[in-house]
PDB file of N, CA and C in Angstrom:
ATOM      1  N   MET A   1      53.199 110.944 129.655  1.00  0.00           N
ATOM      2  CA  MET A   1      53.107 111.484 130.989  1.00  0.00           C
ATOM      3  C   MET A   1      52.235 109.707 131.061  1.00  0.00           C
ATOM      4  N   LEU A   2      52.756 108.676 132.395  1.00  0.00           N
ATOM      5  CA  LEU A   2      52.408 107.718 132.176  1.00  0.00           C
ATOM      6  C   LEU A   2      51.233 107.674 133.741  1.00  0.00           C
ATOM      7  N   PRO A   3      50.135 107.235 133.742  1.00  0.00           N
ATOM      8  CA  PRO A   3      48.877 107.477 134.854  1.00  0.00           C
ATOM      9  C   PRO A   3      49.492 106.489 136.295  1.00  0.00           C
ATOM     10  N   LEU A   4      50.290 105.650 135.971  1.00  0.00           N
ATOM     11  CA  LEU A   4      50.873 104.950 137.149  1.00  0.00           C
ATOM     12  C   LEU A   4      51.781 104.371 136.646  1.00  0.00           C
ATOM     13  N   LYS A   5      53.195 105.245 137.916  1.00  0.00           N
ATOM     14  CA  LYS A   5      54.513 105.026 137.743  1.00  0.00           C
ATOM     15  C   LYS A   5      54.824 103.454 139.343  1.00  0.00           C
ATOM     16  N   LEU A   6      55.820 102.743 139.240  1.00  0.00           N
ATOM     17  CA  LEU A   6      56.466 102.372 140.139  1.00  0.00           C
ATOM     18  C   LEU A   6      57.265 102.827 140.706  1.00  0.00           C
ATOM     19  N   THR A   7      57.744 103.139 141.987  1.00  0.00           N
ATOM     20  CA  THR A   7      58.921 103.791 142.329  1.00  0.00           C
ATOM     21  C   THR A   7      59.787 102.842 142.123  1.00  0.00           C
ATOM     22  N   ASP A   8      61.412 103.362 142.821  1.00  0.00           N
ATOM     23  CA  ASP A   8      62.284 102.829 141.859  1.00  0.00           C
ATOM     24  C   ASP A   8      62.822 101.813 143.059  1.00  0.00           C
ATOM     25  N   ASP A   9      62.715 102.461 144.297  1.00  0.00           N
ATOM     26  CA  ASP A   9      62.319 100.690 145.257  1.00  0.00           C
ATOM     27  C   ASP A   9      61.672  99.733 145.254  1.00  0.00           C
ATOM     28  N   GLN A  10      60.491  99.934 144.351  1.00  0.00           N
ATOM     29  CA  GLN A  10      59.472  99.098 144.114  1.00  0.00           C
ATOM     30  C   GLN A  10      59.968  98.087 143.381  1.00  0.00           C
ATOM     31  N   TRP A  11      60.572  98.801 142.091  1.00  0.00           N
ATOM     32  CA  TRP A  11      61.159  97.630 140.811  1.00  0.00           C
ATOM     33  C   TRP A  11      62.504  97.344 141.231  1.00  0.00           C
ATOM     34  N   GLN A  12      62.826  97.926 142.252  1.00  0.00           N
ATOM     35  CA  GLN A  12      64.353  97.011 142.551  1.00  0.00           C
ATOM     36  C   GLN A  12      63.635  95.892 143.479  1.00  0.00           C
ATOM     37  N   LYS A  13      62.753  95.961 143.530  1.00  0.00           N
ATOM     38  CA  LYS A  13      62.466  94.816 144.925  1.00  0.00           C
ATOM     39  C   LYS A  13      61.556  94.031 143.367  1.00  0.00           C
ATOM     40  N   ILE A  14      60.602  93.733 142.555  1.00  0.00           N
ATOM     41  CA  ILE A  14      60.234  93.329 141.700  1.00  0.00           C
ATOM     42  C   ILE A  14      61.371  92.783 140.668  1.00  0.00           C
ATOM     43  N   LEU A  15      61.953  93.041 139.844  1.00  0.00           N
ATOM     44  CA  LEU A  15      63.148  92.976 138.977  1.00  0.00           C
ATOM     45  C   LEU A  15      64.230  91.674 139.679  1.00  0.00           C
ATOM     46  N   PRO A  16      64.074  91.020 140.388  1.00  0.00           N
ATOM     47  CA  PRO A  16      64.784  90.061 140.560  1.00  0.00           C
ATOM     48  C   PRO A  16      64.317  89.403 140.801  1.00  0.00           C
ATOM     49  N   VAL A  17      62.964  89.183 141.129  1.00  0.00           N
ATOM     50  CA  VAL A  17      61.658  88.215 141.409  1.00  0.00           C
ATOM     51  C   VAL A  17      61.927  87.868 140.056  1.00  0.00           C
ATOM     52  N   LEU A  18      61.649  88.458 138.631  1.00  0.00           N
ATOM     53  CA  LEU A  18      61.018  88.522 137.373  1.00  0.00           C
ATOM     54  C   LEU A  18      62.830  87.721 136.595  1.00  0.00           C
ATOM     55  N   ARG A  19      63.474  88.557 136.820  1.00  0.00           N
ATOM     56  CA  ARG A  19      65.002  87.247 136.277  1.00  0.00           C
ATOM     57  C   ARG A  19      64.865  86.115 137.135  1.00  0.00           C
ATOM     58  N   SER A  20      63.916  85.585 138.036  1.00  0.00           N
ATOM     59  CA  SER A  20      64.350  84.315 139.294  1.00  0.00           C
ATOM     60  C   SER A  20      63.071  83.228 138.169  1.00  0.00           C
ATOM     61  N   CYS A  21      61.883  84.059 137.071  1.00  0.00           N
ATOM     62  CA  CYS A  21      61.050  83.101 136.168  1.00  0.00           C
ATOM     63  C   CYS A  21      61.708  82.250 135.782  1.00  0.00           C
ATOM     64  N   PRO A  22      61.704  80.810 136.037  1.00  0.00           N
ATOM     65  CA  PRO A  22      61.744  79.965 134.261  1.00  0.00           C
ATOM     66  C   PRO A  22      61.239  80.421 133.029  1.00  0.00           C
ATOM     67  N   HIS A  23      61.769  80.871 132.066  1.00  0.00           N
ATOM     68  CA  HIS A  23      61.603  81.082 130.943  1.00  0.00           C
ATOM     69  C   HIS A  23      60.657  82.338 130.799  1.00  0.00           C
ATOM     70  N   LEU A  24      61.556  83.210 131.189  1.00  0.00           N
ATOM     71  CA  LEU A  24      60.729  84.906 131.291  1.00  0.00           C
ATOM     72  C   LEU A  24      62.491  85.074 130.753  1.00  0.00           C
ATOM     73  N   TYR A  25      62.749  85.786 130.044  1.00  0.00           N
ATOM     74  CA  TYR A  25      63.295  86.894 129.462  1.00  0.00           C
ATOM     75  C   TYR A  25      63.041  88.232 129.951  1.00  0.00           C
ATOM     76  N   VAL A  26      63.578  88.738 130.449  1.00  0.00           N
ATOM     77  CA  VAL A  26      64.177  90.126 131.142  1.00  0.00           C
ATOM     78  C   VAL A  26      63.618  91.517 129.791  1.00  0.00           C
ATOM     79  N   GLY A  27      64.453  91.419 128.811  1.00  0.00           N
ATOM     80  CA  GLY A  27      65.110  91.969 128.349  1.00  0.00           C
ATOM     81  C   GLY A  27      65.308  93.414 128.562  1.00  0.00           C
ATOM     82  N   LYS A  28      65.400  94.592 127.827  1.00  0.00           N
ATOM     83  CA  LYS A  28      65.491  95.635 128.409  1.00  0.00           C
ATOM     84  C   LYS A  28      64.872  96.326 129.630  1.00  0.00           C
ATOM     85  N   GLU A  29      65.403  96.434 131.116  1.00  0.00           N
ATOM     86  CA  GLU A  29      64.695  97.405 132.123  1.00  0.00           C
ATOM     87  C   GLU A  29      63.572  97.974 132.006  1.00  0.00           C
ATOM     88  N   ASP A  30      63.718  99.006 131.061  1.00  0.00           N
ATOM     89  CA  ASP A  30      62.697 100.118 130.783  1.00  0.00           C
ATOM     90  C   ASP A  30      61.767  99.410 130.830  1.00  0.00           C
ATOM     91  N   ARG A  31      61.497  98.785 129.197  1.00  0.00           N
ATOM     92  CA  ARG A  31      60.526  98.308 128.672  1.00  0.00           C
ATOM     93  C   ARG A  31      59.467  97.662 129.319  1.00  0.00           C
ATOM     94  N   CYS A  32      60.666  96.376 130.249  1.00  0.00           N
ATOM     95  CA  CYS A  32      59.850  95.447 130.952  1.00  0.00           C
ATOM     96  C   CYS A  32      59.182  96.209 132.226  1.00  0.00           C
ATOM     97  N   ARG A  33      59.838  97.225 133.046  1.00  0.00           N
ATOM     98  CA  ARG A  33      59.396  97.779 133.951  1.00  0.00           C
ATOM     99  C   ARG A  33      58.376  98.587 133.081  1.00  0.00           C
ATOM    100  N   THR A  34      58.022  99.143 132.402  1.00  0.00           N
ATOM    101  CA  THR A  34      56.925  99.739 131.435  1.00  0.00           C
ATOM    102  C   THR A  34      55.843  98.954 131.807  1.00  0.00           C
ATOM    103  N   PHE A  35      56.296  97.544 130.877  1.00  0.00           N
ATOM    104  CA  PHE A  35      55.258  96.607 131.115  1.00  0.00           C
ATOM    105  C   PHE A  35      54.323  96.456 132.271  1.00  0.00           C
ATOM    106  N   VAL A  36      55.275  95.865 133.656  1.00  0.00           N
ATOM    107  CA  VAL A  36      54.628  95.322 134.341  1.00  0.00           C
ATOM    108  C   VAL A  36      53.820  96.949 135.183  1.00  0.00           C
ATOM    109  N   GLU A  37      54.128  98.220 134.507  1.00  0.00           N
ATOM    110  CA  GLU A  37      53.427  99.498 134.924  1.00  0.00           C
ATOM    111  C   GLU A  37      51.812  99.417 133.563  1.00  0.00           C
ATOM    112  N   THR A  38      52.049  98.799 133.523  1.00  0.00           N
ATOM    113  CA  THR A  38      50.507  98.619 132.140  1.00  0.00           C
ATOM    114  C   THR A  38      50.159  97.668 133.079  1.00  0.00           C
ATOM    115  N   VAL A  39      50.710  96.257 133.176  1.00  0.00           N
ATOM    116  CA  VAL A  39      49.317  95.682 133.543  1.00  0.00           C
ATOM    117  C   VAL A  39      48.738  96.580 134.618  1.00  0.00           C
ATOM    118  N   LEU A  40      49.854  96.545 135.670  1.00  0.00           N
ATOM    119  CA  LEU A  40      49.356  96.994 136.799  1.00  0.00           C
ATOM    120  C   LEU A  40      47.759  98.140 136.675  1.00  0.00           C
ATOM    121  N   TRP A  41      48.941  99.249 135.398  1.00  0.00           N
ATOM    122  CA  TRP A  41      47.096  99.972 135.094  1.00  0.00           C
ATOM    123  C   TRP A  41      45.685  99.360 134.318  1.00  0.00           C
ATOM    124  N   ILE A  42      45.756  98.293 134.100  1.00  0.00           N
ATOM    125  CA  ILE A  42      45.047  97.741 133.527  1.00  0.00           C
ATOM    126  C   ILE A  42      44.518  96.768 134.705  1.00  0.00           C
ATOM    127  N   ALA A  43      45.197  96.442 135.510  1.00  0.00           N
ATOM    128  CA  ALA A  43      44.087  95.482 136.623  1.00  0.00           C
ATOM    129  C   ALA A  43      43.426  96.170 137.424  1.00  0.00           C
ATOM    130  N   ARG A  44      43.893  97.420 138.267  1.00  0.00           N
ATOM    131  CA  ARG A  44      43.642  99.160 138.602  1.00  0.00           C
ATOM    132  C   ARG A  44      42.120  99.433 138.017  1.00  0.00           C
ATOM    133  N   SER A  45      42.750  99.818 136.916  1.00  0.00           N
ATOM    134  CA  SER A  45      41.261 100.937 136.087  1.00  0.00           C
ATOM    135  C   SER A  45      40.135  99.483 135.670  1.00  0.00           C
ATOM    136  N   GLY A  46      40.416  98.752 135.216  1.00  0.00           N
ATOM    137  CA  GLY A  46      39.503  97.474 134.870  1.00  0.00           C
ATOM    138  C   GLY A  46      38.924  98.116 133.461  1.00  0.00           C
ATOM    139  N   ALA A  47      39.969  98.954 132.494  1.00  0.00           N
ATOM    140  CA  ALA A  47      39.678  99.098 131.310  1.00  0.00           C
ATOM    141  C   ALA A  47      39.979  97.861 130.634  1.00  0.00           C
ATOM    142  N   GLN A  48      39.043  98.122 128.994  1.00  0.00           N
ATOM    143  CA  GLN A  48      39.628  97.060 128.301  1.00  0.00           C
ATOM    144  C   GLN A  48      41.281  97.118 127.529  1.00  0.00           C
ATOM    145  N   TRP A  49      41.886  96.242 127.364  1.00  0.00           N
ATOM    146  CA  TRP A  49      43.096  96.099 126.292  1.00  0.00           C
ATOM    147  C   TRP A  49      42.559  97.625 125.245  1.00  0.00           C
ATOM    148  N   ARG A  50      41.674  97.302 124.800  1.00  0.00           N
ATOM    149  CA  ARG A  50      41.699  98.374 123.177  1.00  0.00           C
ATOM    150  C   ARG A  50      41.846  99.668 124.286  1.00  0.00           C
ATOM    151  N   LEU A  51      41.668 100.223 125.231  1.00  0.00           N
ATOM    152  CA  LEU A  51      41.990 101.537 125.711  1.00  0.00           C
ATOM    153  C   LEU A  51      42.690 102.151 126.325  1.00  0.00           C
ATOM    154  N   LEU A  52      43.757 101.007 125.853  1.00  0.00           N
ATOM    155  CA  LEU A  52      45.170 101.263 126.433  1.00  0.00           C
ATOM    156  C   LEU A  52      46.090 102.298 126.179  1.00  0.00           C
ATOM    157  N   PRO A  53      46.317 103.407 127.057  1.00  0.00           N
ATOM    158  CA  PRO A  53      46.472 104.486 126.558  1.00  0.00           C
ATOM    159  C   PRO A  53      48.134 104.617 125.933  1.00  0.00           C
ATOM    160  N   LYS A  54      48.349 105.272 124.854  1.00  0.00           N
ATOM    161  CA  LYS A  54      48.948 105.639 123.612  1.00  0.00           C
ATOM    162  C   LYS A  54      50.554 105.292 124.370  1.00  0.00           C
ATOM    163  N   ASP A  55      50.723 105.768 125.818  1.00  0.00           N
ATOM    164  CA  ASP A  55      52.266 105.947 126.393  1.00  0.00           C
ATOM    165  C   ASP A  55      52.559 104.841 126.700  1.00  0.00           C
ATOM    166  N   TYR A  56      51.453 103.310 126.555  1.00  0.00           N
ATOM    167  CA  TYR A  56      52.001 102.491 127.423  1.00  0.00           C
ATOM    168  C   TYR A  56      52.288 101.800 126.423  1.00  0.00           C
ATOM    169  N   GLY A  57      52.158 101.873 125.089  1.00  0.00           N
ATOM    170  CA  GLY A  57      52.503 100.996 123.947  1.00  0.00           C
ATOM    171  C   GLY A  57      51.177 100.622 122.807  1.00  0.00           C
ATOM    172  N   ASP A  58      51.487 100.086 121.817  1.00  0.00           N
ATOM    173  CA  ASP A  58      50.233  98.818 121.384  1.00  0.00           C
ATOM    174  C   ASP A  58      49.861  98.293 122.234  1.00  0.00           C
ATOM    175  N   TRP A  59      48.385  98.068 122.077  1.00  0.00           N
ATOM    176  CA  TRP A  59      47.514  96.758 123.013  1.00  0.00           C
ATOM    177  C   TRP A  59      48.133  95.835 122.934  1.00  0.00           C
ATOM    178  N   ASN A  60      47.815  95.740 121.734  1.00  0.00           N
ATOM    179  CA  ASN A  60      47.896  93.943 120.957  1.00  0.00           C
ATOM    180  C   ASN A  60      49.358  93.202 121.821  1.00  0.00           C
ATOM    181  N   ALA A  61      50.623  94.209 121.282  1.00  0.00           N
ATOM    182  CA  ALA A  61      51.844  94.233 121.816  1.00  0.00           C
ATOM    183  C   ALA A  61      51.831  93.511 122.857  1.00  0.00           C
ATOM    184  N   VAL A  62      51.503  94.804 123.689  1.00  0.00           N
ATOM    185  CA  VAL A  62      51.173  94.227 125.267  1.00  0.00           C
ATOM    186  C   VAL A  62      50.752  93.117 125.922  1.00  0.00           C
ATOM    187  N   TYR A  63      49.391  93.324 124.939  1.00  0.00           N
ATOM    188  CA  TYR A  63      48.414  92.160 125.532  1.00  0.00           C
ATOM    189  C   TYR A  63      49.353  90.703 125.328  1.00  0.00           C
ATOM    190  N   ILE A  64      49.790  90.396 123.983  1.00  0.00           N
ATOM    191  CA  ILE A  64      50.520  89.037 123.976  1.00  0.00           C
ATOM    192  C   ILE A  64      51.391  89.158 124.773  1.00  0.00           C
ATOM    193  N   ARG A  65      52.341  89.830 125.478  1.00  0.00           N
ATOM    194  CA  ARG A  65      52.917  89.821 126.823  1.00  0.00           C
ATOM    195  C   ARG A  65      52.261  89.255 127.496  1.00  0.00           C
ATOM    196  N   PHE A  66      51.574  90.105 128.183  1.00  0.00           N
ATOM    197  CA  PHE A  66      50.971  89.552 129.034  1.00  0.00           C
ATOM    198  C   PHE A  66      50.738  87.953 129.377  1.00  0.00           C
ATOM    199  N   ALA A  67      49.855  87.500 127.883  1.00  0.00           N
ATOM    200  CA  ALA A  67      49.446  86.299 127.935  1.00  0.00           C
ATOM    201  C   ALA A  67      50.093  85.207 127.914  1.00  0.00           C
ATOM    202  N   ARG A  68      51.347  86.002 127.408  1.00  0.00           N
ATOM    203  CA  ARG A  68      52.417  84.816 127.555  1.00  0.00           C
ATOM    204  C   ARG A  68      53.341  84.768 128.702  1.00  0.00           C
ATOM    205  N   TRP A  69      53.150  85.776 129.444  1.00  0.00           N
ATOM    206  CA  TRP A  69      53.534  85.857 130.812  1.00  0.00           C
ATOM    207  C   TRP A  69      52.656  85.038 131.636  1.00  0.00           C
ATOM    208  N   SER A  70      51.182  85.116 131.218  1.00  0.00           N
ATOM    209  CA  SER A  70      50.680  84.514 132.244  1.00  0.00           C
ATOM    210  C   SER A  70      50.520  83.052 132.195  1.00  0.00           C
ATOM    211  N   GLN A  71      50.527  82.309 130.755  1.00  0.00           N
ATOM    212  CA  GLN A  71      51.433  80.840 130.141  1.00  0.00           C
ATOM    213  C   GLN A  71      51.977  80.890 131.465  1.00  0.00           C
ATOM    214  N   ASN A  72      52.640  81.707 130.985  1.00  0.00           N
ATOM    215  CA  ASN A  72      54.176  80.460 131.975  1.00  0.00           C
ATOM    216  C   ASN A  72      54.343  80.718 133.361  1.00  0.00           C
ATOM    217  N   GLN A  73      53.714  81.706 134.033  1.00  0.00           N
ATOM    218  CA  GLN A  73      52.532  81.376 134.724  1.00  0.00           C
ATOM    219  C   GLN A  73      53.916  82.914 135.989  1.00  0.00           C
ATOM    220  N   VAL A  74      54.335  83.579 135.631  1.00  0.00           N
ATOM    221  CA  VAL A  74      55.299  84.600 135.594  1.00  0.00           C
ATOM    222  C   VAL A  74      54.306  85.462 137.508  1.00  0.00           C
ATOM    223  N   PHE A  75      53.062  85.620 136.964  1.00  0.00           N
ATOM    224  CA  PHE A  75      52.167  86.517 137.752  1.00  0.00           C
ATOM    225  C   PHE A  75      51.666  85.390 138.910  1.00  0.00           C
ATOM    226  N   ASP A  76      51.595  84.518 139.136  1.00  0.00           N
ATOM    227  CA  ASP A  76      51.740  83.463 140.420  1.00  0.00           C
ATOM    228  C   ASP A  76      53.240  83.871 141.005  1.00  0.00           C
ATOM    229  N   HIS A  77      54.195  83.704 139.922  1.00  0.00           N
ATOM    230  CA  HIS A  77      55.607  83.408 140.813  1.00  0.00           C
ATOM    231  C   HIS A  77      55.292  84.907 141.468  1.00  0.00           C
ATOM    232  N   LEU A  78      54.995  86.095 141.287  1.00  0.00           N
ATOM    233  CA  LEU A  78      55.405  87.290 141.451  1.00  0.00           C
ATOM    234  C   LEU A  78      53.872  87.459 142.851  1.00  0.00           C
ATOM    235  N   HIS A  79      52.897  87.226 142.617  1.00  0.00           N
ATOM    236  CA  HIS A  79      52.354  86.613 143.528  1.00  0.00           C
ATOM    237  C   HIS A  79      52.133  85.791 144.897  1.00  0.00           C
ATOM    238  N   GLN A  80      53.268  84.550 145.225  1.00  0.00           N
ATOM    239  CA  GLN A  80      53.395  83.673 145.670  1.00  0.00           C
ATOM    240  C   GLN A  80      54.840  84.845 146.469  1.00  0.00           C
ATOM    241  N   HIS A  81      56.272  85.172 145.587  1.00  0.00           N
ATOM    242  CA  HIS A  81      56.932  85.840 146.379  1.00  0.00           C
ATOM    243  C   HIS A  81      56.386  86.994 147.522  1.00  0.00           C
ATOM    244  N   PHE A  82      55.740  88.181 146.642  1.00  0.00           N
ATOM    245  CA  PHE A  82      54.968  88.870 147.259  1.00  0.00           C
ATOM    246  C   PHE A  82      54.123  88.246 148.541  1.00  0.00           C
ATOM    247  N   ALA A  83      53.408  87.419 149.093  1.00  0.00           N
ATOM    248  CA  ALA A  83      52.662  87.180 149.837  1.00  0.00           C
ATOM    249  C   ALA A  83      52.867  86.688 151.000  1.00  0.00           C
ATOM    250  N   ALA A  84      54.085  86.547 150.723  1.00  0.00           N
ATOM    251  CA  ALA A  84      55.250  85.474 151.673  1.00  0.00           C
ATOM    252  C   ALA A  84      55.584  86.756 152.300  1.00  0.00           C
ATOM    253  N   ALA A  85      55.900  88.272 151.338  1.00  0.00           N
ATOM    254  CA  ALA A  85      56.646  89.092 152.673  1.00  0.00           C
ATOM    255  C   ALA A  85      55.363  89.735 152.816  1.00  0.00           C
ATOM    256  N   ALA A  86      55.353  90.342 153.952  1.00  0.00           N
ATOM    257  CA  ALA A  86      54.070  91.064 154.999  1.00  0.00           C
ATOM    258  C   ALA A  86      54.522  92.522 154.670  1.00  0.00           C
ATOM    259  N   ASN A  87      55.479  93.056 154.549  1.00  0.00           N
ATOM    260  CA  ASN A  87      55.794  94.428 154.218  1.00  0.00           C
ATOM    261  C   ASN A  87      55.211  94.795 152.875  1.00  0.00           C
ATOM    262  N   LEU A  88      55.112  93.810 151.930  1.00  0.00           N
ATOM    263  CA  LEU A  88      55.105  94.394 150.195  1.00  0.00           C
ATOM    264  C   LEU A  88      53.767  93.897 150.325  1.00  0.00           C
ATOM    265  N   GLU A  89      53.067  93.657 150.497  1.00  0.00           N
ATOM    266  CA  GLU A  89      51.779  93.159 151.021  1.00  0.00           C
ATOM    267  C   GLU A  89      50.814  94.504 149.929  1.00  0.00           C
ATOM    268  N   TYR A  90      51.290  95.688 150.388  1.00  0.00           N
ATOM    269  CA  TYR A  90      50.459  96.910 149.609  1.00  0.00           C
ATOM    270  C   TYR A  90      50.612  97.262 148.115  1.00  0.00           C
ATOM    271  N   LEU A  91      51.606  95.519 147.115  1.00  0.00           N
ATOM    272  CA  LEU A  91      51.986  95.958 145.534  1.00  0.00           C
ATOM    273  C   LEU A  91      50.735  94.810 145.312  1.00  0.00           C
ATOM    274  N   MET A  92      50.157  93.895 146.141  1.00  0.00           N
ATOM    275  CA  MET A  92      49.475  92.881 145.199  1.00  0.00           C
ATOM    276  C   MET A  92      48.024  93.782 145.054  1.00  0.00           C
ATOM    277  N   ILE A  93      47.352  93.136 144.228  1.00  0.00           N
ATOM    278  CA  ILE A  93      45.966  93.628 143.824  1.00  0.00           C
ATOM    279  C   ILE A  93      45.012  92.337 143.889  1.00  0.00           C
ATOM    280  N   ASP A  94      44.470  92.640 144.247  1.00  0.00           N
ATOM    281  CA  ASP A  94      42.815  91.539 144.606  1.00  0.00           C
ATOM    282  C   ASP A  94      41.634  92.548 144.795  1.00  0.00           C
ATOM    283  N   ALA A  95      40.831  91.632 145.178  1.00  0.00           N
ATOM    284  CA  ALA A  95      39.227  91.815 144.881  1.00  0.00           C
ATOM    285  C   ALA A  95      39.214  92.858 145.494  1.00  0.00           C
ATOM    286  N   THR A  96      39.632  93.452 146.320  1.00  0.00           N
ATOM    287  CA  THR A  96      39.109  94.289 147.550  1.00  0.00           C
ATOM    288  C   THR A  96      39.841  95.531 147.126  1.00  0.00           C
ATOM    289  N   VAL A  97      40.647  95.375 145.850  1.00  0.00           N
ATOM    290  CA  VAL A  97      41.366  96.645 145.011  1.00  0.00           C
ATOM    291  C   VAL A  97      40.083  96.921 143.613  1.00  0.00           C
ATOM    292  N   ILE A  98      39.952  95.651 143.085  1.00  0.00           N
ATOM    293  CA  ILE A  98      39.327  96.058 141.862  1.00  0.00           C
ATOM    294  C   ILE A  98      38.206  95.936 142.054  1.00  0.00           C
ATOM    295  N   ARG A  99      37.233  96.522 141.291  1.00  0.00           N
ATOM    296  CA  ARG A  99      35.573  96.984 141.242  1.00  0.00           C
ATOM    297  C   ARG A  99      35.243  96.627 139.671  1.00  0.00           C
ATOM    298  N   ALA A 100      34.131  95.504 139.472  1.00  0.00           N
ATOM    299  CA  ALA A 100      33.663  95.050 139.072  1.00  0.00           C
ATOM    300  C   ALA A 100      32.605  96.206 138.495  1.00  0.00           C
ATOM    301  N   HIS A 101      32.296  96.515 137.178  1.00  0.00           N
ATOM    302  CA  HIS A 101      31.140  96.944 136.168  1.00  0.00           C
ATOM    303  C   HIS A 101      29.788  96.344 137.272  1.00  0.00           C
ATOM    304  N   PRO A 102      29.322  97.552 137.326  1.00  0.00           N
ATOM    305  CA  PRO A 102      27.561  96.774 137.674  1.00  0.00           C
ATOM    306  C   PRO A 102      26.966  95.742 137.304  1.00  0.00           C
ATOM    307  N   CYS A 103      26.912  96.129 135.779  1.00  0.00           N
ATOM    308  CA  CYS A 103      26.785  94.759 135.110  1.00  0.00           C
ATOM    309  C   CYS A 103      27.473  93.163 135.164  1.00  0.00           C
ATOM    310  N   ALA A 104      28.188  93.487 135.200  1.00  0.00           N
ATOM    311  CA  ALA A 104      29.093  92.153 135.887  1.00  0.00           C
ATOM    312  C   ALA A 104      29.100  91.616 137.113  1.00  0.00           C
ATOM    313  N   ALA A 105      28.042  92.006 137.780  1.00  0.00           N
ATOM    314  CA  ALA A 105      27.868  91.426 139.176  1.00  0.00           C
ATOM    315  C   ALA A 105      26.286  91.344 139.346  1.00  0.00           C
ATOM    316  N   ALA A 106      25.410  91.070 137.506  1.00  0.00           N
ATOM    317  CA  ALA A 106      24.315  90.529 137.796  1.00  0.00           C
ATOM    318  C   ALA A 106      23.280  92.212 137.930  1.00  0.00           C
ATOM    319  N   ALA A 107      23.632  93.148 138.270  1.00  0.00           N
ATOM    320  CA  ALA A 107      22.976  94.593 138.679  1.00  0.00           C
ATOM    321  C   ALA A 107      21.945  94.582 138.056  1.00  0.00           C
ATOM    322  N   LEU A 108      20.543  95.242 139.188  1.00  0.00           N
ATOM    323  CA  LEU A 108      19.276  94.979 137.699  1.00  0.00           C
ATOM    324  C   LEU A 108      19.494  96.513 136.770  1.00  0.00           C
ATOM    325  N   LYS A 109      18.854  96.227 135.952  1.00  0.00           N
ATOM    326  CA  LYS A 109      18.836  97.192 135.593  1.00  0.00           C
ATOM    327  C   LYS A 109      17.383  98.789 135.674  1.00  0.00           C
ATOM    328  N   LYS A 110      17.420  99.782 135.024  1.00  0.00           N
ATOM    329  CA  LYS A 110      17.606 100.680 135.579  1.00  0.00           C
ATOM    330  C   LYS A 110      16.136 101.399 135.191  1.00  0.00           C
ATOM    331  N   THR A 111      15.215 100.126 134.776  1.00  0.00           N
ATOM    332  CA  THR A 111      13.967 100.277 133.797  1.00  0.00           C
ATOM    333  C   THR A 111      12.608 100.639 134.477  1.00  0.00           C
ATOM    334  N   ALA A 112      11.992 101.676 134.017  1.00  0.00           N
ATOM    335  CA  ALA A 112      10.126 101.006 134.469  1.00  0.00           C
ATOM    336  C   ALA A 112      10.043 100.179 134.269  1.00  0.00           C
ATOM    337  N   ASP A 113       8.823  99.316 135.278  1.00  0.00           N
ATOM    338  CA  ASP A 113       8.184  98.158 134.491  1.00  0.00           C
ATOM    339  C   ASP A 113       6.785  98.564 134.582  1.00  0.00           C
ATOM    340  N   LYS A 114       6.803  98.090 133.882  1.00  0.00           N
ATOM    341  CA  LYS A 114       5.805  99.005 132.464  1.00  0.00           C
ATOM    342  C   LYS A 114       4.410  98.156 132.765  1.00  0.00           C
ATOM    343  N   SER A 115       4.785  96.766 133.381  1.00  0.00           N
ATOM    344  CA  SER A 115       3.559  95.843 133.837  1.00  0.00           C
ATOM    345  C   SER A 115       2.450  96.677 135.054  1.00  0.00           C
ATOM    346  N   ASN A 116       3.055  97.510 135.785  1.00  0.00           N
ATOM    347  CA  ASN A 116       3.011  98.010 136.738  1.00  0.00           C
ATOM    348  C   ASN A 116       1.789  99.298 136.682  1.00  0.00           C
ATOM    349  N   ARG A 117       1.964 100.112 135.911  1.00  0.00           N
ATOM    350  CA  ARG A 117       1.736 100.952 134.928  1.00  0.00           C
ATOM    351  C   ARG A 117      -0.275 101.338 134.374  1.00  0.00           C
ATOM    352  N   ARG A 118      -0.753 102.488 135.465  1.00  0.00           N
ATOM    353  CA  ARG A 118      -1.751 102.186 135.228  1.00  0.00           C
ATOM    354  C   ARG A 118      -2.048 103.623 134.669  1.00  0.00           C
TER     355      ARG A 118
END
């Protein structure tokens, strides 16, 4: 079972936008939908690609497809489309949803300062 699933209504709003992207072959809808759900799971969880659950497929194949979509600006196209529709803004992921690991924000380590010991 996949941890994150798009509703049929959400997918029916995303699919036409994907089909309108130049240089993008959608292929089998169910595989494309699983890929989009995978990207959403990675974005929401903040996990490394190598930690991708097996239900989503081979992490390297998924990453290669993600890199190709990024290079072809598919995600930019999706973002521009959904940013214009106020009732679809809940589909967007931004910094208010994604949290960085504390070390990414230059958080101090919890080690005792040995110079102040007596």
